[in-house]
Structures are given as C-alpha cells and as structure tokens.
Amino acid sequence: MPDRFIPPRWRTALRGIRATLYVLVAGAGIAAMTLTPTTIAGTIGEPLMYWWASLATVGALTALWGVTADRYRIEWVASWPATGGTLVYAATVWGLVAQGESTRSTQAFIVTALTVALAYRGVELAAHAAKLRADHHRGK
C-alpha cells in the first residue's frame, strides 16, 4: 500500500477516513436511485441520472472493498467510476447554476470538491503504481 511508511496508528486513521468517504459516496448513489432527485433527473433525464448514480455506487463500494482488504489496486481502479459518477452530478449542478439557479452554487462547489478529492486519490494511486513499475524495471 502507498501508505506503508506511515506509522500504523496514522495509517489506520487514514484508511478509516477513506472508507468513510467511499461509504458516503455509495450512500449518495443509492439515495439518488431510491430517492430520485427530481430536478437533477429532469435536467439530464432519468437514464443518465441512474447511470451516474450506479457508477458512483459500484465504484465507491468496490473502492471500499479495496480499502478494507488493503488492496490499493482495487481502490485505484474503482476510484475512477466513483469519480465519474460524481463528475456527472457536479456538471449537472453547475449546469443548473449556469441556467440561473445561483442558490445551487454551494452544492456545486461541494460536489466538485468531492469529485476532486476522489480524482486526487485515483491519481495518487496511479503515481504509486508507476513508481512500483519503474522500480521493477530498474531491478529494485
């Protein structure tokens, strides 16, 4: 795992925070599928709304599995569908802001921040994998 050089106490805290992040993203996806946000569904259509919600849910639950199993490659791959799901939602909310619903600006910024945090983790894990590949090719 990329965090193996962090003291165990802190590593456990970080894994707990990441697990919580993924549980909350999965919860958002499940909520979108069961408690359909009518404004969002009305803006992008129900099929696309269910698609992004499914991406977020499946990606986040799989990433959660990777975190709990201490398998960074699973989390790495799964972070991208979770990011994609939240990206579609963020883009939709920004679209509503652009159409004059300025009261959704806070929601747009928060969902965008979540999307950036998920993308950051995906890139961080990709960088770790690249380092491992480079070390392997150098014979380390």
C-alpha atoms as a PDB file:
ATOM      1  CA  MET A   1       0.000   0.000   0.000  1.00  0.00           C
ATOM      2  CA  PRO A   2       1.233   3.503  -0.726  1.00  0.00           C
ATOM      3  CA  ASP A   3       0.949   4.431   2.942  1.00  0.00           C
ATOM      4  CA  ARG A   4       3.076   1.594   4.332  1.00  0.00           C
ATOM      5  CA  PHE A   5       5.737   4.018   5.584  1.00  0.00           C
ATOM      6  CA  ILE A   6       3.207   5.901   7.710  1.00  0.00           C
ATOM      7  CA  PRO A   7       3.078   4.780  11.372  1.00  0.00           C
ATOM      8  CA  PRO A   8       0.323   2.165  11.929  1.00  0.00           C
ATOM      9  CA  ARG A   9      -1.841   4.407  14.119  1.00  0.00           C
ATOM     10  CA  TRP A  10      -1.997   7.078  11.417  1.00  0.00           C
ATOM     11  CA  ARG A  11      -2.375   4.534   8.633  1.00  0.00           C
ATOM     12  CA  THR A  12      -5.444   3.134  10.400  1.00  0.00           C
ATOM     13  CA  ALA A  13      -6.912   6.620  10.788  1.00  0.00           C
ATOM     14  CA  LEU A  14      -6.334   7.411   7.106  1.00  0.00           C
ATOM     15  CA  ARG A  15      -7.881   4.127   5.986  1.00  0.00           C
ATOM     16  CA  GLY A  16     -10.890   4.823   8.199  1.00  0.00           C
ATOM     17  CA  ILE A  17     -11.339   8.245   6.639  1.00  0.00           C
ATOM     18  CA  ARG A  18     -11.071   6.807   3.112  1.00  0.00           C
ATOM     19  CA  ALA A  19     -13.538   4.051   3.983  1.00  0.00           C
ATOM     20  CA  THR A  20     -15.958   6.679   5.288  1.00  0.00           C
ATOM     21  CA  LEU A  21     -15.523   8.706   2.106  1.00  0.00           C
ATOM     22  CA  TYR A  22     -16.440   5.722  -0.044  1.00  0.00           C
ATOM     23  CA  VAL A  23     -19.398   4.767   2.180  1.00  0.00           C
ATOM     24  CA  LEU A  24     -20.762   8.303   1.811  1.00  0.00           C
ATOM     25  CA  VAL A  25     -20.285   8.347  -1.973  1.00  0.00           C
ATOM     26  CA  ALA A  26     -22.047   4.976  -2.218  1.00  0.00           C
ATOM     27  CA  GLY A  27     -24.804   6.361   0.004  1.00  0.00           C
ATOM     28  CA  ALA A  28     -25.226   9.321  -2.346  1.00  0.00           C
ATOM     29  CA  GLY A  29     -25.540   6.972  -5.313  1.00  0.00           C
ATOM     30  CA  ILE A  30     -28.034   4.730  -3.530  1.00  0.00           C
ATOM     31  CA  ALA A  31     -30.039   7.754  -2.401  1.00  0.00           C
ATOM     32  CA  ALA A  32     -30.131   9.059  -5.978  1.00  0.00           C
ATOM     33  CA  MET A  33     -31.520   5.733  -7.183  1.00  0.00           C
ATOM     34  CA  THR A  34     -34.089   5.292  -4.405  1.00  0.00           C
ATOM     35  CA  LEU A  35     -34.992   8.915  -3.605  1.00  0.00           C
ATOM     36  CA  THR A  36     -34.709  10.290  -7.124  1.00  0.00           C
ATOM     37  CA  PRO A  37     -33.661  13.963  -7.155  1.00  0.00           C
ATOM     38  CA  THR A  38     -36.381  15.285  -9.452  1.00  0.00           C
ATOM     39  CA  THR A  39     -34.577  18.463 -10.527  1.00  0.00           C
ATOM     40  CA  ILE A  40     -31.443  16.525 -11.499  1.00  0.00           C
ATOM     41  CA  ALA A  41     -33.436  13.787 -13.248  1.00  0.00           C
ATOM     42  CA  GLY A  42     -35.496  16.450 -15.017  1.00  0.00           C
ATOM     43  CA  THR A  43     -32.346  18.187 -16.201  1.00  0.00           C
ATOM     44  CA  ILE A  44     -30.350  15.233 -17.538  1.00  0.00           C
ATOM     45  CA  GLY A  45     -33.045  12.563 -17.796  1.00  0.00           C
ATOM     46  CA  GLU A  46     -33.611   9.538 -15.617  1.00  0.00           C
ATOM     47  CA  PRO A  47     -31.408   7.106 -17.585  1.00  0.00           C
ATOM     48  CA  LEU A  48     -28.319   9.323 -17.218  1.00  0.00           C
ATOM     49  CA  MET A  49     -29.217  10.032 -13.587  1.00  0.00           C
ATOM     50  CA  TYR A  50     -29.363   6.294 -12.822  1.00  0.00           C
ATOM     51  CA  TRP A  51     -26.150   5.765 -14.776  1.00  0.00           C
ATOM     52  CA  TRP A  52     -24.099   8.277 -12.763  1.00  0.00           C
ATOM     53  CA  ALA A  53     -25.675   7.022  -9.530  1.00  0.00           C
ATOM     54  CA  SER A  54     -24.749   3.442 -10.449  1.00  0.00           C
ATOM     55  CA  LEU A  55     -21.177   4.453 -11.329  1.00  0.00           C
ATOM     56  CA  ALA A  56     -20.795   6.243  -8.022  1.00  0.00           C
ATOM     57  CA  THR A  57     -22.314   3.380  -6.036  1.00  0.00           C
ATOM     58  CA  VAL A  58     -20.461   0.488  -7.646  1.00  0.00           C
ATOM     59  CA  GLY A  59     -17.185   2.401  -7.821  1.00  0.00           C
ATOM     60  CA  ALA A  60     -17.384   3.518  -4.198  1.00  0.00           C
ATOM     61  CA  LEU A  61     -18.388   0.089  -2.858  1.00  0.00           C
ATOM     62  CA  THR A  62     -15.566  -1.560  -4.799  1.00  0.00           C
ATOM     63  CA  ALA A  63     -13.083   1.072  -3.591  1.00  0.00           C
ATOM     64  CA  LEU A  64     -14.337   0.471  -0.053  1.00  0.00           C
ATOM     65  CA  TRP A  65     -13.563  -3.216  -0.524  1.00  0.00           C
ATOM     66  CA  GLY A  66     -10.069  -2.282  -1.680  1.00  0.00           C
ATOM     67  CA  VAL A  67      -9.514  -0.092   1.381  1.00  0.00           C
ATOM     68  CA  THR A  68     -10.784  -2.675   3.852  1.00  0.00           C
ATOM     69  CA  ALA A  69      -8.849  -5.515   2.166  1.00  0.00           C
ATOM     70  CA  ASP A  70      -5.721  -3.320   1.975  1.00  0.00           C
ATOM     71  CA  ARG A  71      -5.551  -3.784  -1.808  1.00  0.00           C
ATOM     72  CA  TYR A  72      -4.615  -0.468  -3.341  1.00  0.00           C
ATOM     73  CA  ARG A  73      -5.041  -1.722  -6.926  1.00  0.00           C
ATOM     74  CA  ILE A  74      -8.729  -2.436  -6.313  1.00  0.00           C
ATOM     75  CA  GLU A  75      -9.216   1.006  -4.777  1.00  0.00           C
ATOM     76  CA  TRP A  76      -7.251   2.582  -7.638  1.00  0.00           C
ATOM     77  CA  VAL A  77      -9.360   1.072 -10.402  1.00  0.00           C
ATOM     78  CA  ALA A  78     -12.622   1.622  -8.534  1.00  0.00           C
ATOM     79  CA  SER A  79     -11.881   5.249  -7.698  1.00  0.00           C
ATOM     80  CA  TRP A  80     -12.404   6.195 -11.354  1.00  0.00           C
ATOM     81  CA  PRO A  81     -16.053   5.102 -11.747  1.00  0.00           C
ATOM     82  CA  ALA A  82     -16.809   6.759  -8.394  1.00  0.00           C
ATOM     83  CA  THR A  83     -15.135   9.929  -9.678  1.00  0.00           C
ATOM     84  CA  GLY A  84     -17.030   9.704 -12.968  1.00  0.00           C
ATOM     85  CA  GLY A  85     -20.355   9.394 -11.183  1.00  0.00           C
ATOM     86  CA  THR A  86     -19.753  12.429  -9.005  1.00  0.00           C
ATOM     87  CA  LEU A  87     -18.391  14.346 -12.013  1.00  0.00           C
ATOM     88  CA  VAL A  88     -21.655  13.914 -13.926  1.00  0.00           C
ATOM     89  CA  TYR A  89     -23.603  15.060 -10.880  1.00  0.00           C
ATOM     90  CA  ALA A  90     -21.297  18.074 -10.380  1.00  0.00           C
ATOM     91  CA  ALA A  91     -21.559  19.033 -14.049  1.00  0.00           C
ATOM     92  CA  THR A  92     -25.342  18.828 -13.831  1.00  0.00           C
ATOM     93  CA  VAL A  93     -25.470  21.067 -10.774  1.00  0.00           C
ATOM     94  CA  TRP A  94     -23.078  23.562 -12.413  1.00  0.00           C
ATOM     95  CA  GLY A  95     -25.400  23.497 -15.424  1.00  0.00           C
ATOM     96  CA  LEU A  96     -28.291  24.454 -13.156  1.00  0.00           C
ATOM     97  CA  VAL A  97     -26.196  27.293 -11.720  1.00  0.00           C
ATOM     98  CA  ALA A  98     -25.415  28.484 -15.249  1.00  0.00           C
ATOM     99  CA  GLN A  99     -29.141  28.424 -16.070  1.00  0.00           C
ATOM    100  CA  GLY A 100     -29.826  30.889 -13.272  1.00  0.00           C
ATOM    101  CA  GLU A 101     -30.222  28.720 -10.177  1.00  0.00           C
ATOM    102  CA  SER A 102     -27.464  30.547  -8.317  1.00  0.00           C
ATOM    103  CA  THR A 103     -28.699  29.192  -4.973  1.00  0.00           C
ATOM    104  CA  ARG A 104     -27.195  25.848  -6.006  1.00  0.00           C
ATOM    105  CA  SER A 105     -23.675  27.309  -6.063  1.00  0.00           C
ATOM    106  CA  THR A 106     -22.793  25.898  -2.632  1.00  0.00           C
ATOM    107  CA  GLN A 107     -23.962  22.444  -3.705  1.00  0.00           C
ATOM    108  CA  ALA A 108     -21.969  22.738  -6.925  1.00  0.00           C
ATOM    109  CA  PHE A 109     -18.770  23.708  -5.119  1.00  0.00           C
ATOM    110  CA  ILE A 110     -19.120  20.943  -2.513  1.00  0.00           C
ATOM    111  CA  VAL A 111     -19.824  18.215  -5.074  1.00  0.00           C
ATOM    112  CA  THR A 112     -16.952  19.474  -7.222  1.00  0.00           C
ATOM    113  CA  ALA A 113     -14.653  19.358  -4.177  1.00  0.00           C
ATOM    114  CA  LEU A 114     -15.732  15.751  -3.564  1.00  0.00           C
ATOM    115  CA  THR A 115     -15.022  14.907  -7.196  1.00  0.00           C
ATOM    116  CA  VAL A 116     -11.562  16.490  -6.974  1.00  0.00           C
ATOM    117  CA  ALA A 117     -10.824  14.535  -3.760  1.00  0.00           C
ATOM    118  CA  LEU A 118     -11.772  11.264  -5.460  1.00  0.00           C
ATOM    119  CA  ALA A 119      -9.704  12.128  -8.544  1.00  0.00           C
ATOM    120  CA  TYR A 120      -6.766  13.056  -6.304  1.00  0.00           C
ATOM    121  CA  ARG A 121      -6.847   9.609  -4.730  1.00  0.00           C
ATOM    122  CA  GLY A 122      -7.013   7.923  -8.135  1.00  0.00           C
ATOM    123  CA  VAL A 123      -4.022   9.917  -9.391  1.00  0.00           C
ATOM    124  CA  GLU A 124      -2.127   9.292  -6.149  1.00  0.00           C
ATOM    125  CA  LEU A 125      -2.609   5.544  -6.541  1.00  0.00           C
ATOM    126  CA  ALA A 126      -1.665   5.723 -10.223  1.00  0.00           C
ATOM    127  CA  ALA A 127       1.561   7.506  -9.249  1.00  0.00           C
ATOM    128  CA  HIS A 128       2.306   4.802  -6.685  1.00  0.00           C
ATOM    129  CA  ALA A 129       1.747   2.093  -9.297  1.00  0.00           C
ATOM    130  CA  ALA A 130       4.036   3.942 -11.727  1.00  0.00           C
ATOM    131  CA  LYS A 131       6.750   4.079  -9.063  1.00  0.00           C
ATOM    132  CA  LEU A 132       6.426   0.338  -8.432  1.00  0.00           C
ATOM    133  CA  ARG A 133       6.657  -0.361 -12.174  1.00  0.00           C
ATOM    134  CA  ALA A 134       9.741   1.859 -12.501  1.00  0.00           C
ATOM    135  CA  ASP A 135      11.378   0.160  -9.506  1.00  0.00           C
ATOM    136  CA  HIS A 136      10.610  -3.233 -11.020  1.00  0.00           C
ATOM    137  CA  HIS A 137      12.140  -2.309 -14.368  1.00  0.00           C
ATOM    138  CA  ARG A 138      15.263  -0.992 -12.632  1.00  0.00           C
ATOM    139  CA  GLY A 139      15.550  -4.254 -10.718  1.00  0.00           C
ATOM    140  CA  LYS A 140      14.835  -2.895  -7.245  1.00  0.00           C
END
